[in-house]
């Protein structure tokens, strides 16, 4: 193996290493993982996919991500008279009011 052949081999090896590093970085950037506190729904190409445990590849142009909060929320039930819900006649009657945490959109 001459010096020029070794140089070409070394250059090819460096280019291959750079291409592999860029591919690994792109896969890491496009893979979105869910956590215990946050799941997500990926919509777009390929239909809807609900990801609760694990992850999925998300291509920014082809997919949309809808985050879902998995934390528990407070639910307060207040009984009332004129604004209560009737399940059956004379069986159960109550008002329901949901207390949302600060910063939520609902």
N, C-alpha and C. Protein backbone atom coordinates (compact mmCIF):
# COMPACT_ATOMS: atom_id res chain seq x y z
N UNK A 1 0.87 -1.17 0.00
CA UNK A 1 0.00 0.00 0.00
C UNK A 1 0.91 1.23 0.00
N UNK A 2 0.72 2.06 -0.99
CA UNK A 2 1.55 3.26 -1.10
C UNK A 2 0.98 4.36 -0.24
N UNK A 3 1.71 5.45 -0.15
CA UNK A 3 1.28 6.58 0.66
C UNK A 3 0.00 7.22 0.17
N UNK A 4 -0.18 7.32 -1.17
CA UNK A 4 -1.40 7.94 -1.71
C UNK A 4 -2.62 7.04 -1.51
N UNK A 5 -2.43 5.72 -1.61
CA UNK A 5 -3.54 4.80 -1.37
C UNK A 5 -3.95 4.86 0.11
N UNK A 6 -2.96 4.92 1.00
CA UNK A 6 -3.26 5.02 2.43
C UNK A 6 -3.98 6.33 2.74
N UNK A 7 -3.58 7.41 2.10
CA UNK A 7 -4.24 8.70 2.29
C UNK A 7 -5.68 8.67 1.83
N UNK A 8 -5.95 8.03 0.67
CA UNK A 8 -7.32 7.92 0.17
C UNK A 8 -8.17 7.05 1.11
N UNK A 9 -7.56 5.96 1.62
CA UNK A 9 -8.27 5.09 2.55
C UNK A 9 -8.62 5.85 3.83
N UNK A 10 -7.65 6.60 4.36
CA UNK A 10 -7.87 7.38 5.58
C UNK A 10 -8.92 8.46 5.36
N UNK A 11 -8.88 9.13 4.23
CA UNK A 11 -9.89 10.15 3.91
C UNK A 11 -11.28 9.54 3.81
N UNK A 12 -11.40 8.38 3.16
CA UNK A 12 -12.69 7.69 3.07
C UNK A 12 -13.21 7.28 4.43
N UNK A 13 -12.30 6.83 5.30
CA UNK A 13 -12.69 6.44 6.64
C UNK A 13 -13.17 7.64 7.45
N UNK A 14 -12.54 8.77 7.32
CA UNK A 14 -12.95 9.99 8.01
C UNK A 14 -14.31 10.46 7.51
N UNK A 15 -14.52 10.44 6.20
CA UNK A 15 -15.82 10.84 5.63
C UNK A 15 -16.91 9.90 6.10
N UNK A 16 -16.65 8.60 6.14
CA UNK A 16 -17.63 7.63 6.62
C UNK A 16 -17.97 7.89 8.09
N UNK A 17 -16.97 8.20 8.90
CA UNK A 17 -17.22 8.48 10.32
C UNK A 17 -18.07 9.74 10.48
N UNK A 18 -17.82 10.76 9.66
CA UNK A 18 -18.61 11.99 9.73
C UNK A 18 -20.06 11.72 9.32
N UNK A 19 -20.27 10.94 8.26
CA UNK A 19 -21.63 10.61 7.81
C UNK A 19 -22.37 9.81 8.88
N UNK A 20 -21.71 8.87 9.51
CA UNK A 20 -22.35 8.07 10.57
C UNK A 20 -22.69 8.96 11.77
N UNK A 21 -21.80 9.88 12.13
CA UNK A 21 -22.06 10.78 13.25
C UNK A 21 -23.25 11.69 12.96
N UNK A 22 -23.37 12.19 11.74
CA UNK A 22 -24.51 13.04 11.36
C UNK A 22 -25.80 12.23 11.39
N UNK A 23 -25.77 10.98 10.91
CA UNK A 23 -26.96 10.12 10.92
C UNK A 23 -27.42 9.84 12.35
N UNK A 24 -26.48 9.55 13.25
CA UNK A 24 -26.83 9.29 14.65
C UNK A 24 -27.42 10.55 15.28
N UNK A 25 -26.84 11.71 15.00
CA UNK A 25 -27.36 12.96 15.55
C UNK A 25 -28.78 13.23 15.04
N UNK A 26 -29.04 13.00 13.75
CA UNK A 26 -30.38 13.20 13.20
C UNK A 26 -31.40 12.26 13.83
N UNK A 27 -31.04 11.00 14.00
CA UNK A 27 -31.97 10.05 14.63
C UNK A 27 -32.25 10.43 16.08
N UNK A 28 -31.23 10.90 16.78
CA UNK A 28 -31.43 11.35 18.16
C UNK A 28 -32.33 12.59 18.22
N UNK A 29 -32.18 13.48 17.26
CA UNK A 29 -32.97 14.72 17.22
C UNK A 29 -34.43 14.43 16.86
N UNK A 30 -34.69 13.44 15.99
CA UNK A 30 -36.04 13.15 15.53
C UNK A 30 -36.81 12.20 16.44
N UNK A 31 -36.15 11.53 17.38
CA UNK A 31 -36.82 10.58 18.26
C UNK A 31 -37.30 11.30 19.51
N UNK A 32 -38.59 11.26 19.76
CA UNK A 32 -39.19 11.93 20.92
C UNK A 32 -39.66 10.87 21.90
N UNK A 33 -39.23 10.99 23.15
CA UNK A 33 -39.59 10.03 24.19
C UNK A 33 -40.64 10.61 25.11
N UNK A 34 -41.52 9.74 25.60
CA UNK A 34 -42.50 10.15 26.60
C UNK A 34 -41.91 9.91 27.98
N UNK A 35 -42.51 10.52 28.97
CA UNK A 35 -42.06 10.34 30.35
C UNK A 35 -43.25 9.94 31.21
N UNK A 36 -43.01 9.78 32.51
CA UNK A 36 -44.11 9.43 33.42
C UNK A 36 -45.12 10.56 33.53
N UNK A 37 -44.66 11.80 33.42
CA UNK A 37 -45.54 12.96 33.56
C UNK A 37 -46.17 13.40 32.24
N UNK A 38 -45.58 13.00 31.11
CA UNK A 38 -46.05 13.52 29.83
C UNK A 38 -46.03 12.42 28.77
N UNK A 39 -47.19 12.17 28.20
CA UNK A 39 -47.31 11.30 27.04
C UNK A 39 -47.58 12.21 25.85
N UNK A 40 -47.67 11.66 24.66
CA UNK A 40 -48.00 12.49 23.51
C UNK A 40 -48.72 11.67 22.45
N UNK A 41 -49.42 12.39 21.58
CA UNK A 41 -50.10 11.80 20.44
C UNK A 41 -49.44 12.36 19.20
N UNK A 42 -48.94 11.46 18.34
CA UNK A 42 -48.32 11.88 17.09
C UNK A 42 -49.35 11.69 15.98
N UNK A 43 -49.67 12.78 15.29
CA UNK A 43 -50.63 12.73 14.19
C UNK A 43 -49.91 13.11 12.90
N UNK A 44 -50.54 12.80 11.79
CA UNK A 44 -49.96 13.15 10.50
C UNK A 44 -49.79 11.91 9.64
N UNK A 45 -48.67 11.82 8.94
CA UNK A 45 -48.40 10.70 8.05
C UNK A 45 -48.38 9.40 8.84
N UNK A 46 -49.16 8.43 8.42
CA UNK A 46 -49.23 7.15 9.12
C UNK A 46 -50.35 7.07 10.15
N UNK A 47 -51.15 8.12 10.27
CA UNK A 47 -52.26 8.10 11.22
C UNK A 47 -51.85 8.54 12.61
N UNK A 48 -52.75 8.34 13.55
CA UNK A 48 -52.50 8.73 14.93
C UNK A 48 -51.77 7.61 15.67
N UNK A 49 -50.83 8.01 16.51
CA UNK A 49 -50.13 7.05 17.36
C UNK A 49 -50.04 7.65 18.75
N UNK A 50 -50.59 6.94 19.73
CA UNK A 50 -50.54 7.39 21.12
C UNK A 50 -49.31 6.75 21.76
N UNK A 51 -48.44 7.57 22.30
CA UNK A 51 -47.20 7.08 22.92
C UNK A 51 -47.26 7.40 24.41
N UNK A 52 -47.44 6.36 25.23
CA UNK A 52 -47.51 6.52 26.66
C UNK A 52 -46.20 6.04 27.29
N UNK A 53 -45.68 4.95 26.82
CA UNK A 53 -44.46 4.37 27.36
C UNK A 53 -43.52 4.08 26.20
N UNK A 54 -42.45 4.83 26.09
CA UNK A 54 -41.50 4.62 25.00
C UNK A 54 -41.31 5.90 24.21
N UNK A 55 -41.25 5.77 22.91
CA UNK A 55 -41.02 6.94 22.07
C UNK A 55 -41.41 6.66 20.63
N UNK A 56 -41.24 7.67 19.79
CA UNK A 56 -41.57 7.54 18.37
C UNK A 56 -40.76 8.56 17.59
N UNK A 57 -40.54 8.26 16.32
CA UNK A 57 -39.88 9.21 15.44
C UNK A 57 -40.89 10.26 14.99
N UNK A 58 -40.50 11.52 15.09
CA UNK A 58 -41.37 12.63 14.73
C UNK A 58 -40.66 13.47 13.68
N UNK A 59 -41.17 13.46 12.47
CA UNK A 59 -40.63 14.31 11.42
C UNK A 59 -41.39 15.62 11.43
N UNK A 60 -40.72 16.75 11.66
CA UNK A 60 -41.42 18.02 11.89
C UNK A 60 -42.38 18.44 10.77
N UNK A 61 -42.10 18.12 9.53
CA UNK A 61 -42.98 18.55 8.44
C UNK A 61 -44.15 17.59 8.27
N UNK A 62 -43.96 16.31 8.55
CA UNK A 62 -44.99 15.30 8.30
C UNK A 62 -45.85 14.97 9.53
N UNK A 63 -45.37 15.28 10.73
CA UNK A 63 -46.09 14.91 11.94
C UNK A 63 -46.35 16.13 12.82
N UNK A 64 -47.41 16.01 13.62
CA UNK A 64 -47.73 17.01 14.64
C UNK A 64 -47.79 16.28 15.97
N UNK A 65 -47.29 16.92 17.03
CA UNK A 65 -47.25 16.29 18.34
C UNK A 65 -48.19 17.04 19.27
N UNK A 66 -49.07 16.29 19.94
CA UNK A 66 -49.99 16.85 20.92
C UNK A 66 -49.60 16.29 22.29
N UNK A 67 -49.04 17.11 23.17
CA UNK A 67 -48.65 16.60 24.49
C UNK A 67 -49.88 16.35 25.37
N UNK A 68 -49.78 15.32 26.20
CA UNK A 68 -50.86 14.94 27.11
C UNK A 68 -50.28 14.88 28.52
N UNK A 69 -50.85 15.66 29.44
CA UNK A 69 -50.40 15.68 30.82
C UNK A 69 -50.91 14.43 31.53
N UNK A 70 -50.02 13.67 32.15
CA UNK A 70 -50.41 12.43 32.83
C UNK A 70 -50.50 12.59 34.35
N UNK A 71 -50.30 13.81 34.85
CA UNK A 71 -50.40 14.05 36.28
C UNK A 71 -51.86 14.02 36.72
N UNK A 72 -52.09 13.75 37.99
CA UNK A 72 -53.46 13.74 38.50
C UNK A 72 -53.95 15.17 38.66
N UNK A 73 -55.23 15.36 38.44
CA UNK A 73 -55.86 16.67 38.58
C UNK A 73 -56.92 16.60 39.67
N UNK A 74 -57.11 17.70 40.36
CA UNK A 74 -58.11 17.76 41.41
C UNK A 74 -59.51 17.86 40.81
N UNK A 75 -60.43 17.14 41.36
CA UNK A 75 -61.83 17.18 40.96
C UNK A 75 -62.65 17.39 42.21
N UNK A 76 -63.36 18.50 42.27
CA UNK A 76 -64.16 18.82 43.44
C UNK A 76 -65.63 18.65 43.08
N UNK A 77 -66.37 17.91 43.90
CA UNK A 77 -67.80 17.68 43.68
C UNK A 77 -68.56 18.42 44.77
N UNK A 78 -69.49 19.29 44.33
CA UNK A 78 -70.29 20.07 45.26
C UNK A 78 -71.76 19.74 45.01
N UNK A 79 -72.47 19.44 46.06
CA UNK A 79 -73.90 19.16 45.92
C UNK A 79 -74.68 20.47 45.95
N UNK A 80 -75.70 20.54 45.11
CA UNK A 80 -76.52 21.74 45.06
C UNK A 80 -77.97 21.37 44.88
N UNK A 81 -78.79 22.38 44.77
CA UNK A 81 -80.23 22.11 44.64
C UNK A 81 -80.69 22.32 43.21
N UNK A 82 -80.70 23.56 42.75
CA UNK A 82 -81.29 23.83 41.44
C UNK A 82 -80.33 23.54 40.28
N UNK A 83 -79.03 23.45 40.51
CA UNK A 83 -78.07 23.19 39.44
C UNK A 83 -77.44 21.81 39.55
N UNK A 84 -78.09 20.89 40.16
CA UNK A 84 -77.50 19.57 40.36
C UNK A 84 -77.81 18.65 39.18
N UNK A 85 -77.03 17.57 39.08
CA UNK A 85 -77.25 16.56 38.06
C UNK A 85 -78.11 15.45 38.64
N UNK A 86 -79.07 14.98 37.87
CA UNK A 86 -79.93 13.90 38.32
C UNK A 86 -79.57 12.63 37.56
N UNK A 87 -79.16 11.58 38.29
CA UNK A 87 -78.88 10.30 37.67
C UNK A 87 -80.19 9.57 37.39
N UNK A 88 -80.91 9.32 38.41
CA UNK A 88 -82.23 8.71 38.32
C UNK A 88 -83.16 9.53 39.19
N UNK A 89 -84.41 9.41 38.99
CA UNK A 89 -85.31 10.16 39.88
C UNK A 89 -85.11 9.74 41.34
N UNK A 90 -84.74 10.69 42.16
CA UNK A 90 -84.59 10.54 43.61
C UNK A 90 -83.41 9.64 44.01
N UNK A 91 -82.49 9.30 43.10
CA UNK A 91 -81.39 8.41 43.46
C UNK A 91 -80.12 9.21 43.80
N UNK A 92 -79.67 10.05 42.89
CA UNK A 92 -78.43 10.78 43.12
C UNK A 92 -78.56 12.14 42.46
N UNK A 93 -78.14 13.16 43.16
CA UNK A 93 -78.23 14.50 42.64
C UNK A 93 -77.05 15.29 43.16
N UNK A 94 -76.22 15.83 42.25
CA UNK A 94 -75.06 16.58 42.71
C UNK A 94 -74.59 17.55 41.63
N UNK A 95 -73.87 18.60 42.06
CA UNK A 95 -73.22 19.54 41.15
C UNK A 95 -71.77 19.09 40.99
N UNK A 96 -71.24 19.24 39.79
CA UNK A 96 -69.84 18.92 39.56
C UNK A 96 -69.14 20.17 39.06
N UNK A 97 -68.01 20.45 39.67
CA UNK A 97 -67.19 21.58 39.24
C UNK A 97 -65.76 21.11 39.22
N UNK A 98 -65.07 21.34 38.11
CA UNK A 98 -63.68 20.91 37.98
C UNK A 98 -62.78 22.09 38.28
N UNK A 99 -61.86 21.90 39.20
CA UNK A 99 -60.87 22.92 39.54
C UNK A 99 -59.62 22.62 38.75
N UNK A 100 -59.27 23.48 37.81
CA UNK A 100 -58.08 23.27 37.01
C UNK A 100 -56.88 23.90 37.69
N UNK A 101 -55.71 23.28 37.55
CA UNK A 101 -54.51 23.89 38.13
C UNK A 101 -54.16 25.19 37.41
N UNK A 102 -53.41 26.03 38.09
CA UNK A 102 -53.03 27.31 37.49
C UNK A 102 -52.19 27.08 36.25
N UNK A 103 -52.45 27.88 35.24
CA UNK A 103 -51.69 27.79 34.00
C UNK A 103 -52.27 26.85 32.97
N UNK A 104 -53.34 26.09 33.31
CA UNK A 104 -53.92 25.21 32.31
C UNK A 104 -54.88 26.00 31.43
N UNK A 105 -55.13 25.49 30.24
CA UNK A 105 -55.95 26.21 29.26
C UNK A 105 -57.44 25.97 29.45
N UNK A 106 -57.82 24.95 30.22
CA UNK A 106 -59.24 24.66 30.41
C UNK A 106 -59.76 25.23 31.69
